[in-house]
């Protein structure tokens, strides 16, 4: 298998930085959706018992709102696994925010 026709041009693209920027926007936006959609009491309840909600808050806060020295980014073995996990988080957010405890 040879190198791609545009390997030289592609080598200048910092994929890690691009992915990090997209993840930052994803987690911050999910946090905003939760904040605007749920009552304070419901968010407090979710913080105690919902691992997907807690992970979203953790990623938005510890990695993107401010950098924590002890933060360990979640490692994915492929882009497919990462996008699958992000899809699950998005679907979970939709499900929670459409539930009976929403503010809207």
Protein backbone atom coordinates (compact mmCIF):
# COMPACT_ATOMS: atom_id res chain seq x y z
CA UNK A 1 0.00 0.00 0.00
CA UNK A 2 1.54 3.29 -1.12
CA UNK A 3 1.18 6.74 0.37
CA UNK A 4 -1.84 8.84 -0.51
CA UNK A 5 -1.53 11.22 -3.44
CA UNK A 6 -1.77 14.22 -1.10
CA UNK A 7 0.32 12.89 1.78
CA UNK A 8 2.51 16.00 1.90
CA UNK A 9 -0.48 18.35 2.20
CA UNK A 10 -2.20 16.10 4.73
CA UNK A 11 0.89 15.95 6.91
CA UNK A 12 0.43 19.64 7.75
CA UNK A 13 -3.04 19.11 9.23
CA UNK A 14 -2.96 18.80 13.00
CA UNK A 15 -5.77 16.27 13.48
CA UNK A 16 -5.27 16.11 17.23
CA UNK A 17 -5.87 19.85 17.53
CA UNK A 18 -8.89 19.73 15.22
CA UNK A 19 -10.46 16.83 17.10
CA UNK A 20 -9.80 18.56 20.43
CA UNK A 21 -11.55 21.72 19.19
CA UNK A 22 -14.57 19.74 18.02
CA UNK A 23 -14.75 17.83 21.31
CA UNK A 24 -14.54 21.10 23.23
CA UNK A 25 -17.51 22.52 21.33
CA UNK A 26 -19.42 19.24 21.73
CA UNK A 27 -19.07 19.07 25.52
CA UNK A 28 -19.64 22.77 26.11
CA UNK A 29 -22.77 22.65 23.93
CA UNK A 30 -24.10 19.58 25.74
CA UNK A 31 -23.53 21.36 29.04
CA UNK A 32 -25.49 24.39 27.79
CA UNK A 33 -28.34 22.16 26.62
CA UNK A 34 -28.54 20.49 30.04
CA UNK A 35 -28.35 23.85 31.82
CA UNK A 36 -31.10 25.43 29.72
CA UNK A 37 -33.37 22.39 29.71
CA UNK A 38 -33.33 21.05 33.24
CA UNK A 39 -34.37 22.42 36.61
CA UNK A 40 -31.66 22.86 39.23
CA UNK A 41 -33.08 20.02 41.34
CA UNK A 42 -33.05 17.61 38.39
CA UNK A 43 -29.43 18.48 37.59
CA UNK A 44 -28.47 17.84 41.23
CA UNK A 45 -30.22 14.47 41.07
CA UNK A 46 -28.44 13.54 37.84
CA UNK A 47 -25.06 14.51 39.31
CA UNK A 48 -25.61 11.87 41.99
CA UNK A 49 -26.84 8.94 39.89
CA UNK A 50 -26.28 9.41 36.15
CA UNK A 51 -22.80 8.41 34.93
CA UNK A 52 -23.32 9.78 31.40
CA UNK A 53 -24.38 13.18 32.74
CA UNK A 54 -21.44 13.20 35.17
CA UNK A 55 -19.00 12.36 32.37
CA UNK A 56 -20.35 15.22 30.27
CA UNK A 57 -19.90 17.68 33.12
CA UNK A 58 -16.43 16.32 33.85
CA UNK A 59 -15.26 16.66 30.25
CA UNK A 60 -16.72 20.15 29.86
CA UNK A 61 -15.24 21.33 33.15
CA UNK A 62 -11.93 19.54 33.64
CA UNK A 63 -10.70 19.50 30.07
CA UNK A 64 -12.26 22.52 28.40
CA UNK A 65 -13.52 25.14 30.86
CA UNK A 66 -10.16 25.02 32.61
CA UNK A 67 -7.33 22.54 32.44
CA UNK A 68 -6.80 20.36 35.48
CA UNK A 69 -3.33 18.95 35.96
CA UNK A 70 -4.77 15.59 36.98
CA UNK A 71 -7.14 15.35 34.01
CA UNK A 72 -6.76 12.15 32.02
CA UNK A 73 -8.46 12.26 28.62
CA UNK A 74 -10.54 9.30 27.61
CA UNK A 75 -8.67 7.16 25.10
CA UNK A 76 -10.43 5.66 22.10
CA UNK A 77 -8.95 2.98 19.89
CA UNK A 78 -10.49 4.50 16.74
CA UNK A 79 -12.48 7.45 15.47
CA UNK A 80 -15.41 5.08 15.04
CA UNK A 81 -15.39 4.18 18.73
CA UNK A 82 -15.12 7.85 19.68
CA UNK A 83 -18.01 8.91 17.45
CA UNK A 84 -20.09 6.01 18.78
CA UNK A 85 -19.51 7.16 22.37
CA UNK A 86 -20.31 10.78 21.46
CA UNK A 87 -23.51 9.67 19.73
CA UNK A 88 -24.57 7.79 22.86
CA UNK A 89 -23.94 10.92 24.97
CA UNK A 90 -25.95 13.06 22.58
CA UNK A 91 -28.84 10.58 22.53
CA UNK A 92 -28.74 10.41 26.32
CA UNK A 93 -28.90 14.21 26.55
CA UNK A 94 -31.91 14.25 24.23
CA UNK A 95 -33.65 11.56 26.27
CA UNK A 96 -33.00 13.29 29.62
CA UNK A 97 -33.95 16.74 28.37
CA UNK A 98 -37.21 15.50 26.83
CA UNK A 99 -38.18 13.75 30.05
CA UNK A 100 -40.81 14.82 32.58
CA UNK A 101 -38.43 17.02 34.60
CA UNK A 102 -37.48 19.44 31.86
CA UNK A 103 -38.04 23.18 32.36
CA UNK A 104 -39.35 23.97 28.88
